[in-house]
Amino acid sequence: MAGTSNADRRRRWQEAIERQEASGQSIVGFCAKERLSLASFHAWKRRLRRPPHGIRRKAAKESLVPVQIVSDPAGGIGRLEVQWPGGVLLRSQGCDVQTIIAAITALSACPSTRRTRRC
C-alpha cells in the first residue's frame, strides 16, 4: 500500500477486518484467501480496536454499568438487562442461563459493544 495515506490504510484494513468478521472464516484462512499478511492483519486489528489516545481513562470509567439479575426461583429463569458503553442494550426475560451466556458472549465479541459500530 505504498503511496497511500494513513487514513486510506486505516480504512482499507478496517474494511478487511469487517469482511473477515462477517465471513465466518478464520483469520488465517481469510488472510490466505485475500493474500494479506497475517502479522499485519493482527497488528491493524489491535490498532483499530484500541481507543484513541486520551480516551482510554474515560472509556474505563464508562465500562462499568449496573447489572441487575432477577431470578425466578421456581424455574431458574430470570430477567436481565445489560448495556454496553457503546449503547448496545441486551434485555432478556424468560431465557435460560445458557442462552443469556451465549448472547452476552456474542455481543461482547461484537465491535459495536466496544465502539459505536454496527454488529
PDB file of N, CA and C in Angstrom:
ATOM      1  N   MET A   1       0.825  -1.195   0.000  1.00  0.00           N
ATOM      2  CA  MET A   1       0.000   0.000   0.000  1.00  0.00           C
ATOM      3  C   MET A   1       0.867   1.257   0.000  1.00  0.00           C
ATOM      4  N   ALA A   2       1.980   1.175  -0.697  1.00  0.00           N
ATOM      5  CA  ALA A   2       2.879   2.317  -0.792  1.00  0.00           C
ATOM      6  C   ALA A   2       2.170   3.455  -1.508  1.00  0.00           C
ATOM      7  N   GLY A   3       2.450   4.677  -1.041  1.00  0.00           N
ATOM      8  CA  GLY A   3       1.872   5.845  -1.679  1.00  0.00           C
ATOM      9  C   GLY A   3       0.461   6.174  -1.223  1.00  0.00           C
ATOM     10  N   THR A   4      -0.080   5.430  -0.293  1.00  0.00           N
ATOM     11  CA  THR A   4      -1.418   5.735   0.209  1.00  0.00           C
ATOM     12  C   THR A   4      -1.305   6.426   1.558  1.00  0.00           C
ATOM     13  N   SER A   5      -2.276   7.232   1.868  1.00  0.00           N
ATOM     14  CA  SER A   5      -2.266   7.953   3.135  1.00  0.00           C
ATOM     15  C   SER A   5      -2.607   7.017   4.279  1.00  0.00           C
ATOM     16  N   ASN A   6      -2.266   7.441   5.473  1.00  0.00           N
ATOM     17  CA  ASN A   6      -2.575   6.643   6.656  1.00  0.00           C
ATOM     18  C   ASN A   6      -4.085   6.441   6.787  1.00  0.00           C
ATOM     19  N   ALA A   7      -4.862   7.466   6.453  1.00  0.00           N
ATOM     20  CA  ALA A   7      -6.328   7.340   6.530  1.00  0.00           C
ATOM     21  C   ALA A   7      -6.835   6.272   5.558  1.00  0.00           C
ATOM     22  N   ASP A   8      -6.235   6.214   4.369  1.00  0.00           N
ATOM     23  CA  ASP A   8      -6.627   5.182   3.394  1.00  0.00           C
ATOM     24  C   ASP A   8      -6.270   3.792   3.891  1.00  0.00           C
ATOM     25  N   ARG A   9      -5.060   3.649   4.471  1.00  0.00           N
ATOM     26  CA  ARG A   9      -4.662   2.345   5.018  1.00  0.00           C
ATOM     27  C   ARG A   9      -5.595   1.929   6.147  1.00  0.00           C
ATOM     28  N   ARG A  10      -5.914   2.871   7.028  1.00  0.00           N
ATOM     29  CA  ARG A  10      -6.833   2.570   8.137  1.00  0.00           C
ATOM     30  C   ARG A  10      -8.181   2.094   7.599  1.00  0.00           C
ATOM     31  N   ARG A  11      -8.693   2.809   6.609  1.00  0.00           N
ATOM     32  CA  ARG A  11      -9.994   2.459   6.042  1.00  0.00           C
ATOM     33  C   ARG A  11      -9.948   1.081   5.393  1.00  0.00           C
ATOM     34  N   ARG A  12      -8.887   0.814   4.613  1.00  0.00           N
ATOM     35  CA  ARG A  12      -8.769  -0.483   3.940  1.00  0.00           C
ATOM     36  C   ARG A  12      -8.654  -1.632   4.937  1.00  0.00           C
ATOM     37  N   TRP A  13      -7.854  -1.441   5.985  1.00  0.00           N
ATOM     38  CA  TRP A  13      -7.718  -2.511   6.980  1.00  0.00           C
ATOM     39  C   TRP A  13      -9.009  -2.682   7.774  1.00  0.00           C
ATOM     40  N   GLN A  14      -9.686  -1.575   8.081  1.00  0.00           N
ATOM     41  CA  GLN A  14     -10.963  -1.674   8.797  1.00  0.00           C
ATOM     42  C   GLN A  14     -11.959  -2.473   7.967  1.00  0.00           C
ATOM     43  N   GLU A  15     -11.998  -2.196   6.669  1.00  0.00           N
ATOM     44  CA  GLU A  15     -12.901  -2.934   5.776  1.00  0.00           C
ATOM     45  C   GLU A  15     -12.526  -4.412   5.711  1.00  0.00           C
ATOM     46  N   ALA A  16     -11.221  -4.702   5.650  1.00  0.00           N
ATOM     47  CA  ALA A  16     -10.774  -6.105   5.606  1.00  0.00           C
ATOM     48  C   ALA A  16     -11.155  -6.829   6.892  1.00  0.00           C
ATOM     49  N   ILE A  17     -10.975  -6.175   8.027  1.00  0.00           N
ATOM     50  CA  ILE A  17     -11.316  -6.789   9.318  1.00  0.00           C
ATOM     51  C   ILE A  17     -12.812  -7.045   9.395  1.00  0.00           C
ATOM     52  N   GLU A  18     -13.608  -6.096   8.960  1.00  0.00           N
ATOM     53  CA  GLU A  18     -15.064  -6.280   8.975  1.00  0.00           C
ATOM     54  C   GLU A  18     -15.493  -7.398   8.019  1.00  0.00           C
ATOM     55  N   ARG A  19     -14.843  -7.487   6.848  1.00  0.00           N
ATOM     56  CA  ARG A  19     -15.159  -8.575   5.913  1.00  0.00           C
ATOM     57  C   ARG A  19     -14.820  -9.927   6.521  1.00  0.00           C
ATOM     58  N   GLN A  20     -13.679 -10.012   7.210  1.00  0.00           N
ATOM     59  CA  GLN A  20     -13.292 -11.271   7.842  1.00  0.00           C
ATOM     60  C   GLN A  20     -14.303 -11.657   8.912  1.00  0.00           C
ATOM     61  N   GLU A  21     -14.703 -10.711   9.752  1.00  0.00           N
ATOM     62  CA  GLU A  21     -15.664 -10.999  10.815  1.00  0.00           C
ATOM     63  C   GLU A  21     -17.000 -11.450  10.242  1.00  0.00           C
ATOM     64  N   ALA A  22     -17.426 -10.815   9.164  1.00  0.00           N
ATOM     65  CA  ALA A  22     -18.706 -11.165   8.543  1.00  0.00           C
ATOM     66  C   ALA A  22     -18.635 -12.490   7.779  1.00  0.00           C
ATOM     67  N   SER A  23     -17.434 -12.867   7.344  1.00  0.00           N
ATOM     68  CA  SER A  23     -17.291 -14.067   6.518  1.00  0.00           C
ATOM     69  C   SER A  23     -17.452 -15.369   7.294  1.00  0.00           C
ATOM     70  N   GLY A  24     -17.171 -15.335   8.588  1.00  0.00           N
ATOM     71  CA  GLY A  24     -17.213 -16.561   9.372  1.00  0.00           C
ATOM     72  C   GLY A  24     -15.951 -17.400   9.208  1.00  0.00           C
ATOM     73  N   GLN A  25     -15.013 -16.955   8.376  1.00  0.00           N
ATOM     74  CA  GLN A  25     -13.757 -17.671   8.180  1.00  0.00           C
ATOM     75  C   GLN A  25     -12.797 -17.365   9.329  1.00  0.00           C
ATOM     76  N   SER A  26     -11.849 -18.259   9.525  1.00  0.00           N
ATOM     77  CA  SER A  26     -10.780 -17.973  10.479  1.00  0.00           C
ATOM     78  C   SER A  26      -9.930 -16.846   9.909  1.00  0.00           C
ATOM     79  N   ILE A  27      -9.192 -16.183  10.780  1.00  0.00           N
ATOM     80  CA  ILE A  27      -8.314 -15.103  10.330  1.00  0.00           C
ATOM     81  C   ILE A  27      -7.246 -15.659   9.395  1.00  0.00           C
ATOM     82  N   VAL A  28      -6.700 -16.822   9.750  1.00  0.00           N
ATOM     83  CA  VAL A  28      -5.658 -17.440   8.920  1.00  0.00           C
ATOM     84  C   VAL A  28      -6.204 -17.735   7.521  1.00  0.00           C
ATOM     85  N   GLY A  29      -7.372 -18.367   7.452  1.00  0.00           N
ATOM     86  CA  GLY A  29      -7.970 -18.692   6.160  1.00  0.00           C
ATOM     87  C   GLY A  29      -8.314 -17.461   5.355  1.00  0.00           C
ATOM     88  N   PHE A  30      -8.871 -16.456   6.023  1.00  0.00           N
ATOM     89  CA  PHE A  30      -9.239 -15.214   5.338  1.00  0.00           C
ATOM     90  C   PHE A  30      -8.008 -14.527   4.766  1.00  0.00           C
ATOM     91  N   CYS A  31      -6.948 -14.419   5.577  1.00  0.00           N
ATOM     92  CA  CYS A  31      -5.735 -13.740   5.119  1.00  0.00           C
ATOM     93  C   CYS A  31      -5.106 -14.484   3.946  1.00  0.00           C
ATOM     94  N   ALA A  32      -5.123 -15.818   3.987  1.00  0.00           N
ATOM     95  CA  ALA A  32      -4.568 -16.591   2.874  1.00  0.00           C
ATOM     96  C   ALA A  32      -5.374 -16.342   1.607  1.00  0.00           C
ATOM     97  N   LYS A  33      -6.687 -16.369   1.730  1.00  0.00           N
ATOM     98  CA  LYS A  33      -7.560 -16.159   0.563  1.00  0.00           C
ATOM     99  C   LYS A  33      -7.404 -14.747  -0.007  1.00  0.00           C
ATOM    100  N   GLU A  34      -7.303 -13.767   0.879  1.00  0.00           N
ATOM    101  CA  GLU A  34      -7.214 -12.362   0.448  1.00  0.00           C
ATOM    102  C   GLU A  34      -5.774 -11.922   0.174  1.00  0.00           C
ATOM    103  N   ARG A  35      -4.821 -12.835   0.400  1.00  0.00           N
ATOM    104  CA  ARG A  35      -3.398 -12.546   0.218  1.00  0.00           C
ATOM    105  C   ARG A  35      -2.953 -11.380   1.077  1.00  0.00           C
ATOM    106  N   LEU A  36      -3.354 -11.431   2.360  1.00  0.00           N
ATOM    107  CA  LEU A  36      -2.976 -10.411   3.334  1.00  0.00           C
ATOM    108  C   LEU A  36      -1.966 -10.998   4.306  1.00  0.00           C
ATOM    109  N   SER A  37      -1.081 -10.164   4.793  1.00  0.00           N
ATOM    110  CA  SER A  37      -0.118 -10.589   5.802  1.00  0.00           C
ATOM    111  C   SER A  37      -0.856 -10.835   7.114  1.00  0.00           C
ATOM    112  N   LEU A  38      -0.669 -12.018   7.672  1.00  0.00           N
ATOM    113  CA  LEU A  38      -1.318 -12.368   8.937  1.00  0.00           C
ATOM    114  C   LEU A  38      -0.849 -11.442  10.054  1.00  0.00           C
ATOM    115  N   ALA A  39       0.457 -11.169  10.094  1.00  0.00           N
ATOM    116  CA  ALA A  39       1.001 -10.282  11.132  1.00  0.00           C
ATOM    117  C   ALA A  39       0.414  -8.876  11.001  1.00  0.00           C
ATOM    118  N   SER A  40       0.326  -8.374   9.768  1.00  0.00           N
ATOM    119  CA  SER A  40      -0.249  -7.035   9.562  1.00  0.00           C
ATOM    120  C   SER A  40      -1.723  -7.012   9.937  1.00  0.00           C
ATOM    121  N   PHE A  41      -2.446  -8.082   9.607  1.00  0.00           N
ATOM    122  CA  PHE A  41      -3.869  -8.150   9.952  1.00  0.00           C
ATOM    123  C   PHE A  41      -4.042  -8.019  11.466  1.00  0.00           C
ATOM    124  N   HIS A  42      -3.278  -8.816  12.227  1.00  0.00           N
ATOM    125  CA  HIS A  42      -3.391  -8.762  13.689  1.00  0.00           C
ATOM    126  C   HIS A  42      -2.965  -7.401  14.239  1.00  0.00           C
ATOM    127  N   ALA A  43      -1.895  -6.832  13.683  1.00  0.00           N
ATOM    128  CA  ALA A  43      -1.432  -5.521  14.146  1.00  0.00           C
ATOM    129  C   ALA A  43      -2.483  -4.445  13.903  1.00  0.00           C
ATOM    130  N   TRP A  44      -3.080  -4.451  12.704  1.00  0.00           N
ATOM    131  CA  TRP A  44      -4.114  -3.464  12.407  1.00  0.00           C
ATOM    132  C   TRP A  44      -5.375  -3.707  13.227  1.00  0.00           C
ATOM    133  N   LYS A  45      -5.701  -4.941  13.470  1.00  0.00           N
ATOM    134  CA  LYS A  45      -6.887  -5.238  14.280  1.00  0.00           C
ATOM    135  C   LYS A  45      -6.708  -4.671  15.691  1.00  0.00           C
ATOM    136  N   ARG A  46      -5.522  -4.885  16.267  1.00  0.00           N
ATOM    137  CA  ARG A  46      -5.242  -4.310  17.592  1.00  0.00           C
ATOM    138  C   ARG A  46      -5.288  -2.791  17.540  1.00  0.00           C
ATOM    139  N   ARG A  47      -4.647  -2.220  16.537  1.00  0.00           N
ATOM    140  CA  ARG A  47      -4.574  -0.763  16.421  1.00  0.00           C
ATOM    141  C   ARG A  47      -5.961  -0.144  16.267  1.00  0.00           C
ATOM    142  N   LEU A  48      -6.800  -0.759  15.453  1.00  0.00           N
ATOM    143  CA  LEU A  48      -8.122  -0.192  15.194  1.00  0.00           C
ATOM    144  C   LEU A  48      -9.104  -0.424  16.337  1.00  0.00           C
ATOM    145  N   ARG A  49      -8.868  -1.426  17.146  1.00  0.00           N
ATOM    146  CA  ARG A  49      -9.763  -1.697  18.279  1.00  0.00           C
ATOM    147  C   ARG A  49      -9.404  -0.874  19.514  1.00  0.00           C
ATOM    148  N   ARG A  50      -8.195  -0.333  19.527  1.00  0.00           N
ATOM    149  CA  ARG A  50      -7.720   0.453  20.659  1.00  0.00           C
ATOM    150  C   ARG A  50      -8.405   1.815  20.648  1.00  0.00           C
ATOM    151  N   PRO A  51      -8.880   2.283  21.811  1.00  0.00           N
ATOM    152  CA  PRO A  51      -9.490   3.616  21.821  1.00  0.00           C
ATOM    153  C   PRO A  51      -8.443   4.684  21.487  1.00  0.00           C
ATOM    154  N   PRO A  52      -8.866   5.782  20.874  1.00  0.00           N
ATOM    155  CA  PRO A  52      -7.923   6.859  20.560  1.00  0.00           C
ATOM    156  C   PRO A  52      -7.221   7.352  21.822  1.00  0.00           C
ATOM    157  N   HIS A  53      -6.002   7.854  21.655  1.00  0.00           N
ATOM    158  CA  HIS A  53      -5.201   8.355  22.771  1.00  0.00           C
ATOM    159  C   HIS A  53      -5.982   9.414  23.548  1.00  0.00           C
ATOM    160  N   GLY A  54      -5.972   9.319  24.864  1.00  0.00           N
ATOM    161  CA  GLY A  54      -6.666  10.293  25.700  1.00  0.00           C
ATOM    162  C   GLY A  54      -8.080   9.884  26.065  1.00  0.00           C
ATOM    163  N   ILE A  55      -8.625   8.875  25.411  1.00  0.00           N
ATOM    164  CA  ILE A  55      -9.990   8.442  25.696  1.00  0.00           C
ATOM    165  C   ILE A  55      -9.976   7.217  26.603  1.00  0.00           C
ATOM    166  N   ARG A  56      -8.839   6.607  26.757  1.00  0.00           N
ATOM    167  CA  ARG A  56      -8.729   5.354  27.492  1.00  0.00           C
ATOM    168  C   ARG A  56      -9.307   5.460  28.910  1.00  0.00           C
ATOM    169  N   ARG A  57      -8.972   6.511  29.644  1.00  0.00           N
ATOM    170  CA  ARG A  57      -9.477   6.651  31.020  1.00  0.00           C
ATOM    171  C   ARG A  57     -10.990   6.800  31.054  1.00  0.00           C
ATOM    172  N   LYS A  58     -11.509   7.623  30.183  1.00  0.00           N
ATOM    173  CA  LYS A  58     -12.948   7.849  30.130  1.00  0.00           C
ATOM    174  C   LYS A  58     -13.673   6.552  29.806  1.00  0.00           C
ATOM    175  N   ALA A  59     -13.173   5.797  28.845  1.00  0.00           N
ATOM    176  CA  ALA A  59     -13.802   4.534  28.463  1.00  0.00           C
ATOM    177  C   ALA A  59     -13.781   3.549  29.617  1.00  0.00           C
ATOM    178  N   ALA A  60     -12.699   3.534  30.404  1.00  0.00           N
ATOM    179  CA  ALA A  60     -12.619   2.618  31.536  1.00  0.00           C
ATOM    180  C   ALA A  60     -13.699   2.951  32.559  1.00  0.00           C
ATOM    181  N   LYS A  61     -13.946   4.220  32.791  1.00  0.00           N
ATOM    182  CA  LYS A  61     -14.987   4.616  33.734  1.00  0.00           C
ATOM    183  C   LYS A  61     -16.370   4.230  33.217  1.00  0.00           C
ATOM    184  N   GLU A  62     -16.579   4.383  31.905  1.00  0.00           N
ATOM    185  CA  GLU A  62     -17.870   4.081  31.319  1.00  0.00           C
ATOM    186  C   GLU A  62     -18.119   2.588  31.161  1.00  0.00           C
ATOM    187  N   SER A  63     -17.065   1.783  31.279  1.00  0.00           N
ATOM    188  CA  SER A  63     -17.248   0.356  31.050  1.00  0.00           C
ATOM    189  C   SER A  63     -17.954  -0.328  32.217  1.00  0.00           C
ATOM    190  N   LEU A  64     -18.028   0.313  33.351  1.00  0.00           N
ATOM    191  CA  LEU A  64     -18.748  -0.260  34.476  1.00  0.00           C
ATOM    192  C   LEU A  64     -20.191   0.218  34.439  1.00  0.00           C
ATOM    193  N   VAL A  65     -21.099  -0.700  34.267  1.00  0.00           N
ATOM    194  CA  VAL A  65     -22.511  -0.361  34.204  1.00  0.00           C
ATOM    195  C   VAL A  65     -23.271  -1.233  35.192  1.00  0.00           C
ATOM    196  N   PRO A  66     -24.352  -0.713  35.742  1.00  0.00           N
ATOM    197  CA  PRO A  66     -25.116  -1.530  36.690  1.00  0.00           C
ATOM    198  C   PRO A  66     -25.801  -2.702  36.004  1.00  0.00           C
ATOM    199  N   VAL A  67     -25.778  -3.840  36.659  1.00  0.00           N
ATOM    200  CA  VAL A  67     -26.435  -5.039  36.170  1.00  0.00           C
ATOM    201  C   VAL A  67     -27.320  -5.564  37.285  1.00  0.00           C
ATOM    202  N   GLN A  68     -28.542  -5.903  36.942  1.00  0.00           N
ATOM    203  CA  GLN A  68     -29.463  -6.462  37.919  1.00  0.00           C
ATOM    204  C   GLN A  68     -30.020  -7.762  37.365  1.00  0.00           C
ATOM    205  N   ILE A  69     -29.911  -8.827  38.142  1.00  0.00           N
ATOM    206  CA  ILE A  69     -30.451 -10.120  37.745  1.00  0.00           C
ATOM    207  C   ILE A  69     -31.566 -10.473  38.720  1.00  0.00           C
ATOM    208  N   VAL A  70     -32.730 -10.719  38.168  1.00  0.00           N
ATOM    209  CA  VAL A  70     -33.877 -11.115  38.971  1.00  0.00           C
ATOM    210  C   VAL A  70     -34.208 -12.546  38.588  1.00  0.00           C
ATOM    211  N   SER A  71     -34.038 -13.475  39.516  1.00  0.00           N
ATOM    212  CA  SER A  71     -34.239 -14.888  39.210  1.00  0.00           C
ATOM    213  C   SER A  71     -35.638 -15.342  39.569  1.00  0.00           C
ATOM    214  N   ASP A  72     -36.106 -16.312  38.817  1.00  0.00           N
ATOM    215  CA  ASP A  72     -37.355 -16.999  39.091  1.00  0.00           C
ATOM    216  C   ASP A  72     -36.988 -18.267  39.854  1.00  0.00           C
ATOM    217  N   PRO A  73     -37.202 -18.297  41.178  1.00  0.00           N
ATOM    218  CA  PRO A  73     -36.748 -19.443  41.952  1.00  0.00           C
ATOM    219  C   PRO A  73     -37.371 -20.763  41.509  1.00  0.00           C
ATOM    220  N   ALA A  74     -38.542 -20.709  40.899  1.00  0.00           N
ATOM    221  CA  ALA A  74     -39.220 -21.947  40.508  1.00  0.00           C
ATOM    222  C   ALA A  74     -38.537 -22.619  39.324  1.00  0.00           C
ATOM    223  N   GLY A  75     -38.095 -21.858  38.350  1.00  0.00           N
ATOM    224  CA  GLY A  75     -37.565 -22.477  37.143  1.00  0.00           C
ATOM    225  C   GLY A  75     -36.144 -22.086  36.795  1.00  0.00           C
ATOM    226  N   GLY A  76     -35.494 -21.265  37.612  1.00  0.00           N
ATOM    227  CA  GLY A  76     -34.152 -20.840  37.299  1.00  0.00           C
ATOM    228  C   GLY A  76     -34.097 -19.895  36.107  1.00  0.00           C
ATOM    229  N   ILE A  77     -35.237 -19.300  35.753  1.00  0.00           N
ATOM    230  CA  ILE A  77     -35.317 -18.379  34.625  1.00  0.00           C
ATOM    231  C   ILE A  77     -35.476 -16.977  35.183  1.00  0.00           C
ATOM    232  N   GLY A  78     -34.730 -16.025  34.629  1.00  0.00           N
ATOM    233  CA  GLY A  78     -34.782 -14.679  35.170  1.00  0.00           C
ATOM    234  C   GLY A  78     -34.904 -13.610  34.120  1.00  0.00           C
ATOM    235  N   ARG A  79     -34.732 -12.402  34.576  1.00  0.00           N
ATOM    236  CA  ARG A  79     -34.794 -11.225  33.710  1.00  0.00           C
ATOM    237  C   ARG A  79     -33.447 -10.524  33.844  1.00  0.00           C
ATOM    238  N   LEU A  80     -32.903 -10.066  32.737  1.00  0.00           N
ATOM    239  CA  LEU A  80     -31.576  -9.463  32.735  1.00  0.00           C
ATOM    240  C   LEU A  80     -31.554  -8.302  31.758  1.00  0.00           C
ATOM    241  N   GLU A  81     -30.865  -7.237  32.140  1.00  0.00           N
ATOM    242  CA  GLU A  81     -30.656  -6.103  31.248  1.00  0.00           C
ATOM    243  C   GLU A  81     -29.204  -5.681  31.388  1.00  0.00           C
ATOM    244  N   VAL A  82     -28.493  -5.622  30.245  1.00  0.00           N
ATOM    245  CA  VAL A  82     -27.087  -5.219  30.224  1.00  0.00           C
ATOM    246  C   VAL A  82     -26.927  -4.170  29.144  1.00  0.00           C
ATOM    247  N   GLN A  83     -26.255  -3.061  29.495  1.00  0.00           N
ATOM    248  CA  GLN A  83     -25.972  -2.025  28.499  1.00  0.00           C
ATOM    249  C   GLN A  83     -24.466  -1.830  28.424  1.00  0.00           C
ATOM    250  N   TRP A  84     -23.928  -1.944  27.193  1.00  0.00           N
ATOM    251  CA  TRP A  84     -22.510  -1.735  26.958  1.00  0.00           C
ATOM    252  C   TRP A  84     -22.245  -0.255  26.760  1.00  0.00           C
ATOM    253  N   PRO A  85     -20.994   0.187  26.979  1.00  0.00           N
ATOM    254  CA  PRO A  85     -20.665   1.607  26.822  1.00  0.00           C
ATOM    255  C   PRO A  85     -20.996   2.170  25.443  1.00  0.00           C
ATOM    256  N   GLY A  86     -20.956   1.357  24.388  1.00  0.00           N
ATOM    257  CA  GLY A  86     -21.275   1.829  23.045  1.00  0.00           C
ATOM    258  C   GLY A  86     -22.759   2.065  22.826  1.00  0.00           C
ATOM    259  N   GLY A  87     -23.600   1.761  23.832  1.00  0.00           N
ATOM    260  CA  GLY A  87     -25.026   1.984  23.724  1.00  0.00           C
ATOM    261  C   GLY A  87     -25.832   0.740  23.403  1.00  0.00           C
ATOM    262  N   VAL A  88     -25.163  -0.385  23.147  1.00  0.00           N
ATOM    263  CA  VAL A  88     -25.873  -1.626  22.852  1.00  0.00           C
ATOM    264  C   VAL A  88     -26.560  -2.105  24.124  1.00  0.00           C
ATOM    265  N   LEU A  89     -27.830  -2.460  24.014  1.00  0.00           N
ATOM    266  CA  LEU A  89     -28.620  -2.876  25.159  1.00  0.00           C
ATOM    267  C   LEU A  89     -29.157  -4.283  24.918  1.00  0.00           C
ATOM    268  N   LEU A  90     -28.952  -5.154  25.893  1.00  0.00           N
ATOM    269  CA  LEU A  90     -29.487  -6.516  25.830  1.00  0.00           C
ATOM    270  C   LEU A  90     -30.506  -6.656  26.950  1.00  0.00           C
ATOM    271  N   ARG A  91     -31.727  -6.990  26.573  1.00  0.00           N
ATOM    272  CA  ARG A  91     -32.776  -7.267  27.555  1.00  0.00           C
ATOM    273  C   ARG A  91     -33.214  -8.702  27.377  1.00  0.00           C
ATOM    274  N   SER A  92     -33.290  -9.421  28.466  1.00  0.00           N
ATOM    275  CA  SER A  92     -33.680 -10.821  28.402  1.00  0.00           C
ATOM    276  C   SER A  92     -34.702 -11.098  29.490  1.00  0.00           C
ATOM    277  N   GLN A  93     -35.752 -11.764  29.112  1.00  0.00           N
ATOM    278  CA  GLN A  93     -36.748 -12.174  30.085  1.00  0.00           C
ATOM    279  C   GLN A  93     -37.245 -13.554  29.668  1.00  0.00           C
ATOM    280  N   GLY A  94     -37.186 -14.480  30.573  1.00  0.00           N
ATOM    281  CA  GLY A  94     -37.681 -15.814  30.295  1.00  0.00           C
ATOM    282  C   GLY A  94     -36.709 -16.693  29.541  1.00  0.00           C
ATOM    283  N   CYS A  95     -35.417 -16.331  29.527  1.00  0.00           N
ATOM    284  CA  CYS A  95     -34.413 -17.167  28.867  1.00  0.00           C
ATOM    285  C   CYS A  95     -33.655 -17.968  29.923  1.00  0.00           C
ATOM    286  N   ASP A  96     -33.212 -19.132  29.512  1.00  0.00           N
ATOM    287  CA  ASP A  96     -32.393 -19.916  30.437  1.00  0.00           C
ATOM    288  C   ASP A  96     -30.985 -19.324  30.484  1.00  0.00           C
ATOM    289  N   VAL A  97     -30.229 -19.709  31.490  1.00  0.00           N
ATOM    290  CA  VAL A  97     -28.912 -19.151  31.730  1.00  0.00           C
ATOM    291  C   VAL A  97     -27.977 -19.363  30.543  1.00  0.00           C
ATOM    292  N   GLN A  98     -28.006 -20.530  29.911  1.00  0.00           N
ATOM    293  CA  GLN A  98     -27.112 -20.806  28.784  1.00  0.00           C
ATOM    294  C   GLN A  98     -27.387 -19.873  27.608  1.00  0.00           C
ATOM    295  N   THR A  99     -28.649 -19.555  27.356  1.00  0.00           N
ATOM    296  CA  THR A  99     -28.983 -18.631  26.269  1.00  0.00           C
ATOM    297  C   THR A  99     -28.473 -17.231  26.584  1.00  0.00           C
ATOM    298  N   ILE A 100     -28.623 -16.808  27.823  1.00  0.00           N
ATOM    299  CA  ILE A 100     -28.141 -15.488  28.235  1.00  0.00           C
ATOM    300  C   ILE A 100     -26.621 -15.425  28.097  1.00  0.00           C
ATOM    301  N   ILE A 101     -25.930 -16.465  28.546  1.00  0.00           N
ATOM    302  CA  ILE A 101     -24.465 -16.502  28.434  1.00  0.00           C
ATOM    303  C   ILE A 101     -24.049 -16.431  26.967  1.00  0.00           C
ATOM    304  N   ALA A 102     -24.715 -17.180  26.109  1.00  0.00           N
ATOM    305  CA  ALA A 102     -24.381 -17.166  24.683  1.00  0.00           C
ATOM    306  C   ALA A 102     -24.615 -15.780  24.085  1.00  0.00           C
ATOM    307  N   ALA A 103     -25.697 -15.120  24.461  1.00  0.00           N
ATOM    308  CA  ALA A 103     -25.991 -13.782  23.936  1.00  0.00           C
ATOM    309  C   ALA A 103     -24.950 -12.771  24.399  1.00  0.00           C
ATOM    310  N   ILE A 104     -24.581 -12.811  25.672  1.00  0.00           N
ATOM    311  CA  ILE A 104     -23.580 -11.881  26.200  1.00  0.00           C
ATOM    312  C   ILE A 104     -22.225 -12.131  25.540  1.00  0.00           C
ATOM    313  N   THR A 105     -21.871 -13.393  25.361  1.00  0.00           N
ATOM    314  CA  THR A 105     -20.604 -13.726  24.709  1.00  0.00           C
ATOM    315  C   THR A 105     -20.576 -13.193  23.286  1.00  0.00           C
ATOM    316  N   ALA A 106     -21.654 -13.399  22.550  1.00  0.00           N
ATOM    317  CA  ALA A 106     -21.708 -12.927  21.165  1.00  0.00           C
ATOM    318  C   ALA A 106     -21.658 -11.402  21.100  1.00  0.00           C
ATOM    319  N   LEU A 107     -22.417 -10.734  21.958  1.00  0.00           N
ATOM    320  CA  LEU A 107     -22.427  -9.272  21.935  1.00  0.00           C
ATOM    321  C   LEU A 107     -21.104  -8.687  22.406  1.00  0.00           C
ATOM    322  N   SER A 108     -20.438  -9.343  23.353  1.00  0.00           N
ATOM    323  CA  SER A 108     -19.149  -8.851  23.834  1.00  0.00           C
ATOM    324  C   SER A 108     -18.081  -8.941  22.754  1.00  0.00           C
ATOM    325  N   ALA A 109     -18.229  -9.893  21.840  1.00  0.00           N
ATOM    326  CA  ALA A 109     -17.268 -10.039  20.742  1.00  0.00           C
ATOM    327  C   ALA A 109     -17.564  -9.085  19.596  1.00  0.00           C
ATOM    328  N   CYS A 110     -18.731  -8.495  19.595  1.00  0.00           N
ATOM    329  CA  CYS A 110     -19.152  -7.608  18.513  1.00  0.00           C
ATOM    330  C   CYS A 110     -18.477  -6.244  18.644  1.00  0.00           C
ATOM    331  N   PRO A 111     -17.960  -5.677  17.557  1.00  0.00           N
ATOM    332  CA  PRO A 111     -17.325  -4.365  17.622  1.00  0.00           C
ATOM    333  C   PRO A 111     -18.239  -3.267  18.169  1.00  0.00           C
ATOM    334  N   SER A 112     -19.532  -3.379  17.997  1.00  0.00           N
ATOM    335  CA  SER A 112     -20.427  -2.307  18.442  1.00  0.00           C
ATOM    336  C   SER A 112     -20.504  -2.205  19.952  1.00  0.00           C
ATOM    337  N   THR A 113     -20.119  -3.241  20.674  1.00  0.00           N
ATOM    338  CA  THR A 113     -20.116  -3.143  22.128  1.00  0.00           C
ATOM    339  C   THR A 113     -18.837  -2.506  22.639  1.00  0.00           C
ATOM    340  N   ARG A 114     -17.820  -2.460  21.776  1.00  0.00           N
ATOM    341  CA  ARG A 114     -16.569  -1.813  22.163  1.00  0.00           C
ATOM    342  C   ARG A 114     -16.480  -0.410  21.595  1.00  0.00           C
ATOM    343  N   ARG A 115     -17.210  -0.164  20.551  1.00  0.00           N
ATOM    344  CA  ARG A 115     -17.244   1.116  19.862  1.00  0.00           C
ATOM    345  C   ARG A 115     -18.657   1.323  19.356  1.00  0.00           C
ATOM    346  N   THR A 116     -18.855   2.369  18.616  1.00  0.00           N
ATOM    347  CA  THR A 116     -20.193   2.602  18.086  1.00  0.00           C
ATOM    348  C   THR A 116     -20.254   2.146  16.634  1.00  0.00           C
ATOM    349  N   ARG A 117     -19.991   0.857  16.386  1.00  0.00           N
ATOM    350  CA  ARG A 117     -20.087   0.261  15.056  1.00  0.00           C
ATOM    351  C   ARG A 117     -21.213  -0.755  15.059  1.00  0.00           C
ATOM    352  N   ARG A 118     -21.781  -0.970  13.867  1.00  0.00           N
ATOM    353  CA  ARG A 118     -22.849  -1.954  13.752  1.00  0.00           C
ATOM    354  C   ARG A 118     -22.278  -3.359  13.814  1.00  0.00           C
ATOM    355  N   CYS A 119     -23.021  -4.255  14.383  1.00  0.00           N
ATOM    356  CA  CYS A 119     -22.633  -5.655  14.513  1.00  0.00           C
ATOM    357  C   CYS A 119     -22.809  -6.379  13.218  1.00  0.00           C
TER     358      CYS A 119
END
